[in-house]
Amino acid sequence: MDTATLDEMRELLGEEKTLARLADLATDLRSRFESGKTEDLAFDADATILTAGLFGFLDLSNLCCEVEEAYRAGANMTLLQVRLNEVQQQVLDEIETLRTAA
């Protein structure tokens, strides 16, 4: 996680709203990347790129860009699905840590 980016969001929104938006992101992420369908995976990746990046979760944002590129190229998405699930869980864990520490 890029803490400088998260700190910028805290300055912009304030701590309370930042935590609320992080909770929203966590809720959204729990419903993403589950169907196993290539089209859904690409759609979920596209929907996640901006928000993940805004809050400093650059690994997830960058991986979602990779997923979009692979989808457009017709590549096999199996390994990307595994990586997405791992990074998704890391982000959910980080959000929980941030919310608990507040």
PDB file of N, CA and C in Angstrom:
ATOM      1  N   MET A   1       0.842  -1.171   0.000  1.00  0.00           N
ATOM      2  CA  MET A   1       0.000   0.000   0.000  1.00  0.00           C
ATOM      3  C   MET A   1       0.890   1.238   0.000  1.00  0.00           C
ATOM      4  N   ASP A   2       0.505   2.207  -0.772  1.00  0.00           N
ATOM      5  CA  ASP A   2       1.215   3.483  -0.828  1.00  0.00           C
ATOM      6  C   ASP A   2       0.616   4.387   0.239  1.00  0.00           C
ATOM      7  N   THR A   3       1.318   4.502   1.367  1.00  0.00           N
ATOM      8  CA  THR A   3       0.784   5.272   2.492  1.00  0.00           C
ATOM      9  C   THR A   3       0.688   6.761   2.175  1.00  0.00           C
ATOM     10  N   ALA A   4       1.538   7.265   1.301  1.00  0.00           N
ATOM     11  CA  ALA A   4       1.468   8.682   0.938  1.00  0.00           C
ATOM     12  C   ALA A   4       0.146   8.990   0.229  1.00  0.00           C
ATOM     13  N   THR A   5      -0.282   8.094  -0.631  1.00  0.00           N
ATOM     14  CA  THR A   5      -1.554   8.279  -1.334  1.00  0.00           C
ATOM     15  C   THR A   5      -2.713   8.229  -0.350  1.00  0.00           C
ATOM     16  N   LEU A   6      -2.667   7.276   0.562  1.00  0.00           N
ATOM     17  CA  LEU A   6      -3.723   7.180   1.578  1.00  0.00           C
ATOM     18  C   LEU A   6      -3.736   8.429   2.452  1.00  0.00           C
ATOM     19  N   ASP A   7      -2.562   8.929   2.809  1.00  0.00           N
ATOM     20  CA  ASP A   7      -2.488  10.157   3.612  1.00  0.00           C
ATOM     21  C   ASP A   7      -3.094  11.351   2.886  1.00  0.00           C
ATOM     22  N   GLU A   8      -2.910  11.393   1.568  1.00  0.00           N
ATOM     23  CA  GLU A   8      -3.521  12.466   0.775  1.00  0.00           C
ATOM     24  C   GLU A   8      -5.044  12.382   0.837  1.00  0.00           C
ATOM     25  N   MET A   9      -5.571  11.166   0.774  1.00  0.00           N
ATOM     26  CA  MET A   9      -7.022  10.999   0.879  1.00  0.00           C
ATOM     27  C   MET A   9      -7.516  11.412   2.263  1.00  0.00           C
ATOM     28  N   ARG A  10      -6.729  11.096   3.287  1.00  0.00           N
ATOM     29  CA  ARG A  10      -7.099  11.516   4.647  1.00  0.00           C
ATOM     30  C   ARG A  10      -7.152  13.036   4.748  1.00  0.00           C
ATOM     31  N   GLU A  11      -6.177  13.691   4.144  1.00  0.00           N
ATOM     32  CA  GLU A  11      -6.158  15.155   4.165  1.00  0.00           C
ATOM     33  C   GLU A  11      -7.345  15.735   3.407  1.00  0.00           C
ATOM     34  N   LEU A  12      -7.673  15.126   2.303  1.00  0.00           N
ATOM     35  CA  LEU A  12      -8.759  15.606   1.456  1.00  0.00           C
ATOM     36  C   LEU A  12     -10.134  15.346   2.078  1.00  0.00           C
ATOM     37  N   LEU A  13     -10.357  14.135   2.565  1.00  0.00           N
ATOM     38  CA  LEU A  13     -11.671  13.732   3.057  1.00  0.00           C
ATOM     39  C   LEU A  13     -11.833  13.822   4.570  1.00  0.00           C
ATOM     40  N   GLY A  14     -10.728  13.779   5.278  1.00  0.00           N
ATOM     41  CA  GLY A  14     -10.782  13.654   6.725  1.00  0.00           C
ATOM     42  C   GLY A  14     -10.747  12.178   7.100  1.00  0.00           C
ATOM     43  N   GLU A  15     -10.375  11.907   8.342  1.00  0.00           N
ATOM     44  CA  GLU A  15     -10.197  10.525   8.785  1.00  0.00           C
ATOM     45  C   GLU A  15     -11.503   9.723   8.742  1.00  0.00           C
ATOM     46  N   GLU A  16     -12.574  10.311   9.235  1.00  0.00           N
ATOM     47  CA  GLU A  16     -13.849   9.593   9.320  1.00  0.00           C
ATOM     48  C   GLU A  16     -14.374   9.192   7.941  1.00  0.00           C
ATOM     49  N   LYS A  17     -14.359  10.132   6.996  1.00  0.00           N
ATOM     50  CA  LYS A  17     -14.848   9.821   5.651  1.00  0.00           C
ATOM     51  C   LYS A  17     -13.911   8.858   4.925  1.00  0.00           C
ATOM     52  N   THR A  18     -12.622   8.990   5.178  1.00  0.00           N
ATOM     53  CA  THR A  18     -11.673   8.058   4.564  1.00  0.00           C
ATOM     54  C   THR A  18     -11.950   6.634   5.038  1.00  0.00           C
ATOM     55  N   LEU A  19     -12.145   6.472   6.335  1.00  0.00           N
ATOM     56  CA  LEU A  19     -12.450   5.146   6.876  1.00  0.00           C
ATOM     57  C   LEU A  19     -13.767   4.614   6.327  1.00  0.00           C
ATOM     58  N   ALA A  20     -14.743   5.492   6.172  1.00  0.00           N
ATOM     59  CA  ALA A  20     -16.029   5.073   5.604  1.00  0.00           C
ATOM     60  C   ALA A  20     -15.861   4.627   4.157  1.00  0.00           C
ATOM     61  N   ARG A  21     -15.070   5.360   3.375  1.00  0.00           N
ATOM     62  CA  ARG A  21     -14.843   4.967   1.981  1.00  0.00           C
ATOM     63  C   ARG A  21     -14.041   3.676   1.898  1.00  0.00           C
ATOM     64  N   LEU A  22     -13.099   3.485   2.822  1.00  0.00           N
ATOM     65  CA  LEU A  22     -12.360   2.224   2.856  1.00  0.00           C
ATOM     66  C   LEU A  22     -13.298   1.059   3.175  1.00  0.00           C
ATOM     67  N   ALA A  23     -14.245   1.287   4.064  1.00  0.00           N
ATOM     68  CA  ALA A  23     -15.242   0.251   4.368  1.00  0.00           C
ATOM     69  C   ALA A  23     -16.074  -0.055   3.129  1.00  0.00           C
ATOM     70  N   ASP A  24     -16.434   0.984   2.389  1.00  0.00           N
ATOM     71  CA  ASP A  24     -17.178   0.780   1.137  1.00  0.00           C
ATOM     72  C   ASP A  24     -16.355  -0.024   0.139  1.00  0.00           C
ATOM     73  N   LEU A  25     -15.068   0.305   0.046  1.00  0.00           N
ATOM     74  CA  LEU A  25     -14.183  -0.426  -0.861  1.00  0.00           C
ATOM     75  C   LEU A  25     -14.106  -1.898  -0.459  1.00  0.00           C
ATOM     76  N   ALA A  26     -13.983  -2.150   0.828  1.00  0.00           N
ATOM     77  CA  ALA A  26     -13.916  -3.535   1.306  1.00  0.00           C
ATOM     78  C   ALA A  26     -15.195  -4.293   0.947  1.00  0.00           C
ATOM     79  N   THR A  27     -16.334  -3.661   1.150  1.00  0.00           N
ATOM     80  CA  THR A  27     -17.608  -4.284   0.799  1.00  0.00           C
ATOM     81  C   THR A  27     -17.657  -4.597  -0.687  1.00  0.00           C
ATOM     82  N   ASP A  28     -17.236  -3.644  -1.499  1.00  0.00           N
ATOM     83  CA  ASP A  28     -17.225  -3.834  -2.947  1.00  0.00           C
ATOM     84  C   ASP A  28     -16.283  -4.971  -3.338  1.00  0.00           C
ATOM     85  N   LEU A  29     -15.084  -4.985  -2.753  1.00  0.00           N
ATOM     86  CA  LEU A  29     -14.100  -6.006  -3.115  1.00  0.00           C
ATOM     87  C   LEU A  29     -14.575  -7.416  -2.778  1.00  0.00           C
ATOM     88  N   ARG A  30     -15.333  -7.549  -1.708  1.00  0.00           N
ATOM     89  CA  ARG A  30     -15.813  -8.879  -1.317  1.00  0.00           C
ATOM     90  C   ARG A  30     -16.738  -9.491  -2.377  1.00  0.00           C
ATOM     91  N   SER A  31     -17.319  -8.647  -3.220  1.00  0.00           N
ATOM     92  CA  SER A  31     -18.234  -9.147  -4.243  1.00  0.00           C
ATOM     93  C   SER A  31     -17.578  -9.241  -5.625  1.00  0.00           C
ATOM     94  N   ARG A  32     -16.307  -8.979  -5.700  1.00  0.00           N
ATOM     95  CA  ARG A  32     -15.613  -8.964  -6.989  1.00  0.00           C
ATOM     96  C   ARG A  32     -14.779 -10.228  -7.203  1.00  0.00           C
ATOM     97  N   PHE A  33     -14.490 -10.514  -8.461  1.00  0.00           N
ATOM     98  CA  PHE A  33     -13.543 -11.541  -8.892  1.00  0.00           C
ATOM     99  C   PHE A  33     -13.953 -12.950  -8.498  1.00  0.00           C
ATOM    100  N   GLU A  34     -15.250 -13.221  -8.407  1.00  0.00           N
ATOM    101  CA  GLU A  34     -15.694 -14.528  -7.929  1.00  0.00           C
ATOM    102  C   GLU A  34     -16.313 -15.425  -8.995  1.00  0.00           C
ATOM    103  N   SER A  35     -16.838 -14.873 -10.055  1.00  0.00           N
ATOM    104  CA  SER A  35     -17.636 -15.686 -10.975  1.00  0.00           C
ATOM    105  C   SER A  35     -16.816 -16.696 -11.762  1.00  0.00           C
ATOM    106  N   GLY A  36     -15.556 -16.392 -12.004  1.00  0.00           N
ATOM    107  CA  GLY A  36     -14.737 -17.282 -12.817  1.00  0.00           C
ATOM    108  C   GLY A  36     -14.895 -17.058 -14.312  1.00  0.00           C
ATOM    109  N   LYS A  37     -15.851 -16.243 -14.706  1.00  0.00           N
ATOM    110  CA  LYS A  37     -16.051 -15.944 -16.124  1.00  0.00           C
ATOM    111  C   LYS A  37     -15.077 -14.835 -16.537  1.00  0.00           C
ATOM    112  N   THR A  38     -14.449 -15.025 -17.663  1.00  0.00           N
ATOM    113  CA  THR A  38     -13.455 -14.074 -18.148  1.00  0.00           C
ATOM    114  C   THR A  38     -14.032 -12.675 -18.291  1.00  0.00           C
ATOM    115  N   GLU A  39     -15.221 -12.573 -18.849  1.00  0.00           N
ATOM    116  CA  GLU A  39     -15.834 -11.257 -19.060  1.00  0.00           C
ATOM    117  C   GLU A  39     -16.102 -10.547 -17.723  1.00  0.00           C
ATOM    118  N   ASP A  40     -16.576 -11.318 -16.753  1.00  0.00           N
ATOM    119  CA  ASP A  40     -16.854 -10.746 -15.431  1.00  0.00           C
ATOM    120  C   ASP A  40     -15.571 -10.309 -14.745  1.00  0.00           C
ATOM    121  N   LEU A  41     -14.526 -11.094 -14.909  1.00  0.00           N
ATOM    122  CA  LEU A  41     -13.237 -10.757 -14.319  1.00  0.00           C
ATOM    123  C   LEU A  41     -12.728  -9.435 -14.884  1.00  0.00           C
ATOM    124  N   ALA A  42     -12.820  -9.273 -16.181  1.00  0.00           N
ATOM    125  CA  ALA A  42     -12.388  -8.026 -16.824  1.00  0.00           C
ATOM    126  C   ALA A  42     -13.250  -6.846 -16.373  1.00  0.00           C
ATOM    127  N   PHE A  43     -14.563  -7.061 -16.271  1.00  0.00           N
ATOM    128  CA  PHE A  43     -15.464  -6.011 -15.808  1.00  0.00           C
ATOM    129  C   PHE A  43     -15.119  -5.604 -14.379  1.00  0.00           C
ATOM    130  N   ASP A  44     -14.925  -6.581 -13.498  1.00  0.00           N
ATOM    131  CA  ASP A  44     -14.581  -6.287 -12.112  1.00  0.00           C
ATOM    132  C   ASP A  44     -13.238  -5.572 -12.011  1.00  0.00           C
ATOM    133  N   ALA A  45     -12.292  -5.987 -12.824  1.00  0.00           N
ATOM    134  CA  ALA A  45     -10.988  -5.329 -12.825  1.00  0.00           C
ATOM    135  C   ALA A  45     -11.132  -3.866 -13.226  1.00  0.00           C
ATOM    136  N   ASP A  46     -11.889  -3.624 -14.277  1.00  0.00           N
ATOM    137  CA  ASP A  46     -12.101  -2.246 -14.728  1.00  0.00           C
ATOM    138  C   ASP A  46     -12.767  -1.399 -13.645  1.00  0.00           C
ATOM    139  N   ALA A  47     -13.722  -1.974 -12.955  1.00  0.00           N
ATOM    140  CA  ALA A  47     -14.452  -1.246 -11.911  1.00  0.00           C
ATOM    141  C   ALA A  47     -13.598  -0.987 -10.683  1.00  0.00           C
ATOM    142  N   THR A  48     -12.503  -1.706 -10.530  1.00  0.00           N
ATOM    143  CA  THR A  48     -11.680  -1.615  -9.320  1.00  0.00           C
ATOM    144  C   THR A  48     -10.453  -0.726  -9.486  1.00  0.00           C
ATOM    145  N   ILE A  49      -9.973  -0.555 -10.693  1.00  0.00           N
ATOM    146  CA  ILE A  49      -8.705   0.142 -10.945  1.00  0.00           C
ATOM    147  C   ILE A  49      -8.638   1.499 -10.260  1.00  0.00           C
ATOM    148  N   LEU A  50      -9.594   2.343 -10.531  1.00  0.00           N
ATOM    149  CA  LEU A  50      -9.550   3.723 -10.043  1.00  0.00           C
ATOM    150  C   LEU A  50      -9.635   3.795  -8.524  1.00  0.00           C
ATOM    151  N   THR A  51     -10.605   3.151  -7.952  1.00  0.00           N
ATOM    152  CA  THR A  51     -10.797   3.241  -6.507  1.00  0.00           C
ATOM    153  C   THR A  51      -9.603   2.678  -5.750  1.00  0.00           C
ATOM    154  N   ALA A  52      -9.105   1.535  -6.191  1.00  0.00           N
ATOM    155  CA  ALA A  52      -7.942   0.941  -5.524  1.00  0.00           C
ATOM    156  C   ALA A  52      -6.749   1.890  -5.595  1.00  0.00           C
ATOM    157  N   GLY A  53      -6.546   2.492  -6.742  1.00  0.00           N
ATOM    158  CA  GLY A  53      -5.439   3.436  -6.898  1.00  0.00           C
ATOM    159  C   GLY A  53      -5.600   4.687  -6.063  1.00  0.00           C
ATOM    160  N   LEU A  54      -6.818   5.197  -5.978  1.00  0.00           N
ATOM    161  CA  LEU A  54      -7.070   6.417  -5.197  1.00  0.00           C
ATOM    162  C   LEU A  54      -6.716   6.257  -3.731  1.00  0.00           C
ATOM    163  N   PHE A  55      -6.874   5.041  -3.215  1.00  0.00           N
ATOM    164  CA  PHE A  55      -6.596   4.803  -1.807  1.00  0.00           C
ATOM    165  C   PHE A  55      -5.218   4.205  -1.562  1.00  0.00           C
ATOM    166  N   GLY A  56      -4.404   4.118  -2.619  1.00  0.00           N
ATOM    167  CA  GLY A  56      -3.025   3.690  -2.458  1.00  0.00           C
ATOM    168  C   GLY A  56      -2.793   2.195  -2.583  1.00  0.00           C
ATOM    169  N   PHE A  57      -3.792   1.455  -3.013  1.00  0.00           N
ATOM    170  CA  PHE A  57      -3.628   0.019  -3.202  1.00  0.00           C
ATOM    171  C   PHE A  57      -3.156  -0.229  -4.633  1.00  0.00           C
ATOM    172  N   LEU A  58      -1.928   0.178  -4.870  1.00  0.00           N
ATOM    173  CA  LEU A  58      -1.396   0.191  -6.231  1.00  0.00           C
ATOM    174  C   LEU A  58      -1.156  -1.204  -6.784  1.00  0.00           C
ATOM    175  N   ASP A  59      -0.827  -2.167  -5.924  1.00  0.00           N
ATOM    176  CA  ASP A  59      -0.651  -3.537  -6.419  1.00  0.00           C
ATOM    177  C   ASP A  59      -1.945  -4.044  -7.028  1.00  0.00           C
ATOM    178  N   LEU A  60      -3.056  -3.795  -6.358  1.00  0.00           N
ATOM    179  CA  LEU A  60      -4.350  -4.228  -6.884  1.00  0.00           C
ATOM    180  C   LEU A  60      -4.710  -3.456  -8.146  1.00  0.00           C
ATOM    181  N   SER A  61      -4.517  -2.165  -8.127  1.00  0.00           N
ATOM    182  CA  SER A  61      -4.838  -1.340  -9.288  1.00  0.00           C
ATOM    183  C   SER A  61      -4.025  -1.777 -10.511  1.00  0.00           C
ATOM    184  N   ASN A  62      -2.726  -1.978 -10.315  1.00  0.00           N
ATOM    185  CA  ASN A  62      -1.862  -2.400 -11.427  1.00  0.00           C
ATOM    186  C   ASN A  62      -2.221  -3.789 -11.929  1.00  0.00           C
ATOM    187  N   LEU A  63      -2.545  -4.683 -11.012  1.00  0.00           N
ATOM    188  CA  LEU A  63      -2.939  -6.028 -11.414  1.00  0.00           C
ATOM    189  C   LEU A  63      -4.243  -5.999 -12.206  1.00  0.00           C
ATOM    190  N   CYS A  64      -5.148  -5.136 -11.814  1.00  0.00           N
ATOM    191  CA  CYS A  64      -6.401  -5.000 -12.564  1.00  0.00           C
ATOM    192  C   CYS A  64      -6.135  -4.502 -13.982  1.00  0.00           C
ATOM    193  N   CYS A  65      -5.160  -3.628 -14.142  1.00  0.00           N
ATOM    194  CA  CYS A  65      -4.767  -3.190 -15.491  1.00  0.00           C
ATOM    195  C   CYS A  65      -4.234  -4.370 -16.302  1.00  0.00           C
ATOM    196  N   GLU A  66      -3.436  -5.223 -15.656  1.00  0.00           N
ATOM    197  CA  GLU A  66      -2.928  -6.423 -16.331  1.00  0.00           C
ATOM    198  C   GLU A  66      -4.072  -7.326 -16.785  1.00  0.00           C
ATOM    199  N   VAL A  67      -5.069  -7.464 -15.919  1.00  0.00           N
ATOM    200  CA  VAL A  67      -6.224  -8.301 -16.254  1.00  0.00           C
ATOM    201  C   VAL A  67      -6.937  -7.757 -17.482  1.00  0.00           C
ATOM    202  N   GLU A  68      -7.153  -6.450 -17.523  1.00  0.00           N
ATOM    203  CA  GLU A  68      -7.803  -5.847 -18.682  1.00  0.00           C
ATOM    204  C   GLU A  68      -7.007  -6.094 -19.959  1.00  0.00           C
ATOM    205  N   GLU A  69      -5.692  -5.906 -19.879  1.00  0.00           N
ATOM    206  CA  GLU A  69      -4.844  -6.115 -21.049  1.00  0.00           C
ATOM    207  C   GLU A  69      -4.887  -7.575 -21.499  1.00  0.00           C
ATOM    208  N   ALA A  70      -4.831  -8.496 -20.553  1.00  0.00           N
ATOM    209  CA  ALA A  70      -4.871  -9.918 -20.882  1.00  0.00           C
ATOM    210  C   ALA A  70      -6.211 -10.288 -21.513  1.00  0.00           C
ATOM    211  N   TYR A  71      -7.270  -9.712 -20.998  1.00  0.00           N
ATOM    212  CA  TYR A  71      -8.601  -9.985 -21.554  1.00  0.00           C
ATOM    213  C   TYR A  71      -8.677  -9.518 -23.007  1.00  0.00           C
ATOM    214  N   ARG A  72      -8.201  -8.296 -23.263  1.00  0.00           N
ATOM    215  CA  ARG A  72      -8.221  -7.773 -24.631  1.00  0.00           C
ATOM    216  C   ARG A  72      -7.362  -8.605 -25.571  1.00  0.00           C
ATOM    217  N   ALA A  73      -6.281  -9.191 -25.029  1.00  0.00           N
ATOM    218  CA  ALA A  73      -5.382 -10.011 -25.847  1.00  0.00           C
ATOM    219  C   ALA A  73      -5.871 -11.449 -25.981  1.00  0.00           C
ATOM    220  N   GLY A  74      -6.930 -11.800 -25.270  1.00  0.00           N
ATOM    221  CA  GLY A  74      -7.447 -13.164 -25.336  1.00  0.00           C
ATOM    222  C   GLY A  74      -6.594 -14.174 -24.583  1.00  0.00           C
ATOM    223  N   ALA A  75      -5.836 -13.696 -23.608  1.00  0.00           N
ATOM    224  CA  ALA A  75      -4.933 -14.572 -22.860  1.00  0.00           C
ATOM    225  C   ALA A  75      -5.691 -15.408 -21.832  1.00  0.00           C
ATOM    226  N   ASN A  76      -5.039 -16.452 -21.374  1.00  0.00           N
ATOM    227  CA  ASN A  76      -5.587 -17.293 -20.321  1.00  0.00           C
ATOM    228  C   ASN A  76      -5.598 -16.498 -19.016  1.00  0.00           C
ATOM    229  N   MET A  77      -6.711 -16.509 -18.332  1.00  0.00           N
ATOM    230  CA  MET A  77      -6.885 -15.680 -17.141  1.00  0.00           C
ATOM    231  C   MET A  77      -6.730 -16.459 -15.830  1.00  0.00           C
ATOM    232  N   THR A  78      -6.442 -17.735 -15.909  1.00  0.00           N
ATOM    233  CA  THR A  78      -6.420 -18.571 -14.712  1.00  0.00           C
ATOM    234  C   THR A  78      -5.416 -18.071 -13.678  1.00  0.00           C
ATOM    235  N   LEU A  79      -4.184 -17.836 -14.079  1.00  0.00           N
ATOM    236  CA  LEU A  79      -3.170 -17.369 -13.125  1.00  0.00           C
ATOM    237  C   LEU A  79      -3.471 -15.964 -12.624  1.00  0.00           C
ATOM    238  N   LEU A  80      -4.012 -15.139 -13.487  1.00  0.00           N
ATOM    239  CA  LEU A  80      -4.395 -13.795 -13.048  1.00  0.00           C
ATOM    240  C   LEU A  80      -5.512 -13.860 -12.017  1.00  0.00           C
ATOM    241  N   GLN A  81      -6.432 -14.791 -12.194  1.00  0.00           N
ATOM    242  CA  GLN A  81      -7.514 -14.971 -11.218  1.00  0.00           C
ATOM    243  C   GLN A  81      -6.936 -15.320  -9.849  1.00  0.00           C
ATOM    244  N   VAL A  82      -5.961 -16.211  -9.813  1.00  0.00           N
ATOM    245  CA  VAL A  82      -5.323 -16.603  -8.555  1.00  0.00           C
ATOM    246  C   VAL A  82      -4.625 -15.408  -7.924  1.00  0.00           C
ATOM    247  N   ARG A  83      -3.862 -14.681  -8.730  1.00  0.00           N
ATOM    248  CA  ARG A  83      -3.161 -13.494  -8.215  1.00  0.00           C
ATOM    249  C   ARG A  83      -4.147 -12.449  -7.707  1.00  0.00           C
ATOM    250  N   LEU A  84      -5.234 -12.240  -8.454  1.00  0.00           N
ATOM    251  CA  LEU A  84      -6.249 -11.273  -8.022  1.00  0.00           C
ATOM    252  C   LEU A  84      -6.844 -11.655  -6.677  1.00  0.00           C
ATOM    253  N   ASN A  85      -7.139 -12.926  -6.503  1.00  0.00           N
ATOM    254  CA  ASN A  85      -7.711 -13.364  -5.231  1.00  0.00           C
ATOM    255  C   ASN A  85      -6.733 -13.131  -4.080  1.00  0.00           C
ATOM    256  N   GLU A  86      -5.450 -13.365  -4.322  1.00  0.00           N
ATOM    257  CA  GLU A  86      -4.438 -13.145  -3.287  1.00  0.00           C
ATOM    258  C   GLU A  86      -4.313 -11.663  -2.940  1.00  0.00           C
ATOM    259  N   VAL A  87      -4.203 -10.834  -3.950  1.00  0.00           N
ATOM    260  CA  VAL A  87      -4.046  -9.394  -3.722  1.00  0.00           C
ATOM    261  C   VAL A  87      -5.328  -8.808  -3.137  1.00  0.00           C
ATOM    262  N   GLN A  88      -6.460  -9.281  -3.587  1.00  0.00           N
ATOM    263  CA  GLN A  88      -7.740  -8.848  -3.035  1.00  0.00           C
ATOM    264  C   GLN A  88      -7.767  -9.098  -1.520  1.00  0.00           C
ATOM    265  N   GLN A  89      -7.352 -10.289  -1.106  1.00  0.00           N
ATOM    266  CA  GLN A  89      -7.357 -10.610   0.323  1.00  0.00           C
ATOM    267  C   GLN A  89      -6.354  -9.747   1.084  1.00  0.00           C
ATOM    268  N   GLN A  90      -5.197  -9.472   0.489  1.00  0.00           N
ATOM    269  CA  GLN A  90      -4.212  -8.598   1.128  1.00  0.00           C
ATOM    270  C   GLN A  90      -4.802  -7.209   1.369  1.00  0.00           C
ATOM    271  N   VAL A  91      -5.501  -6.690   0.376  1.00  0.00           N
ATOM    272  CA  VAL A  91      -6.119  -5.364   0.512  1.00  0.00           C
ATOM    273  C   VAL A  91      -7.203  -5.398   1.578  1.00  0.00           C
ATOM    274  N   LEU A  92      -8.018  -6.425   1.583  1.00  0.00           N
ATOM    275  CA  LEU A  92      -9.053  -6.535   2.618  1.00  0.00           C
ATOM    276  C   LEU A  92      -8.422  -6.594   4.011  1.00  0.00           C
ATOM    277  N   ASP A  93      -7.326  -7.315   4.139  1.00  0.00           N
ATOM    278  CA  ASP A  93      -6.624  -7.388   5.428  1.00  0.00           C
ATOM    279  C   ASP A  93      -6.061  -6.030   5.830  1.00  0.00           C
ATOM    280  N   GLU A  94      -5.489  -5.316   4.871  1.00  0.00           N
ATOM    281  CA  GLU A  94      -4.937  -3.987   5.154  1.00  0.00           C
ATOM    282  C   GLU A  94      -6.036  -3.015   5.566  1.00  0.00           C
ATOM    283  N   ILE A  95      -7.167  -3.065   4.889  1.00  0.00           N
ATOM    284  CA  ILE A  95      -8.284  -2.190   5.245  1.00  0.00           C
ATOM    285  C   ILE A  95      -8.756  -2.496   6.667  1.00  0.00           C
ATOM    286  N   GLU A  96      -8.862  -3.759   6.991  1.00  0.00           N
ATOM    287  CA  GLU A  96      -9.297  -4.141   8.341  1.00  0.00           C
ATOM    288  C   GLU A  96      -8.302  -3.637   9.385  1.00  0.00           C
ATOM    289  N   THR A  97      -7.028  -3.737   9.096  1.00  0.00           N
ATOM    290  CA  THR A  97      -5.994  -3.239  10.013  1.00  0.00           C
ATOM    291  C   THR A  97      -6.129  -1.731  10.202  1.00  0.00           C
ATOM    292  N   LEU A  98      -6.343  -1.006   9.122  1.00  0.00           N
ATOM    293  CA  LEU A  98      -6.498   0.455   9.194  1.00  0.00           C
ATOM    294  C   LEU A  98      -7.731   0.832  10.001  1.00  0.00           C
ATOM    295  N   ARG A  99      -8.817   0.135   9.773  1.00  0.00           N
ATOM    296  CA  ARG A  99     -10.060   0.446  10.478  1.00  0.00           C
ATOM    297  C   ARG A  99      -9.959   0.096  11.961  1.00  0.00           C
ATOM    298  N   THR A 100      -9.281  -0.988  12.280  1.00  0.00           N
ATOM    299  CA  THR A 100      -9.117  -1.396  13.665  1.00  0.00           C
ATOM    300  C   THR A 100      -8.216  -0.437  14.430  1.00  0.00           C
ATOM    301  N   ALA A 101      -7.192   0.076  13.740  1.00  0.00           N
ATOM    302  CA  ALA A 101      -6.242   0.985  14.376  1.00  0.00           C
ATOM    303  C   ALA A 101      -6.825   2.368  14.646  1.00  0.00           C
ATOM    304  N   ALA A 102      -7.896   2.704  13.959  1.00  0.00           N
ATOM    305  CA  ALA A 102      -8.468   4.063  14.085  1.00  0.00           C
ATOM    306  C   ALA A 102      -9.221   4.252  15.385  1.00  0.00           C
TER     307      ALA A 102
END
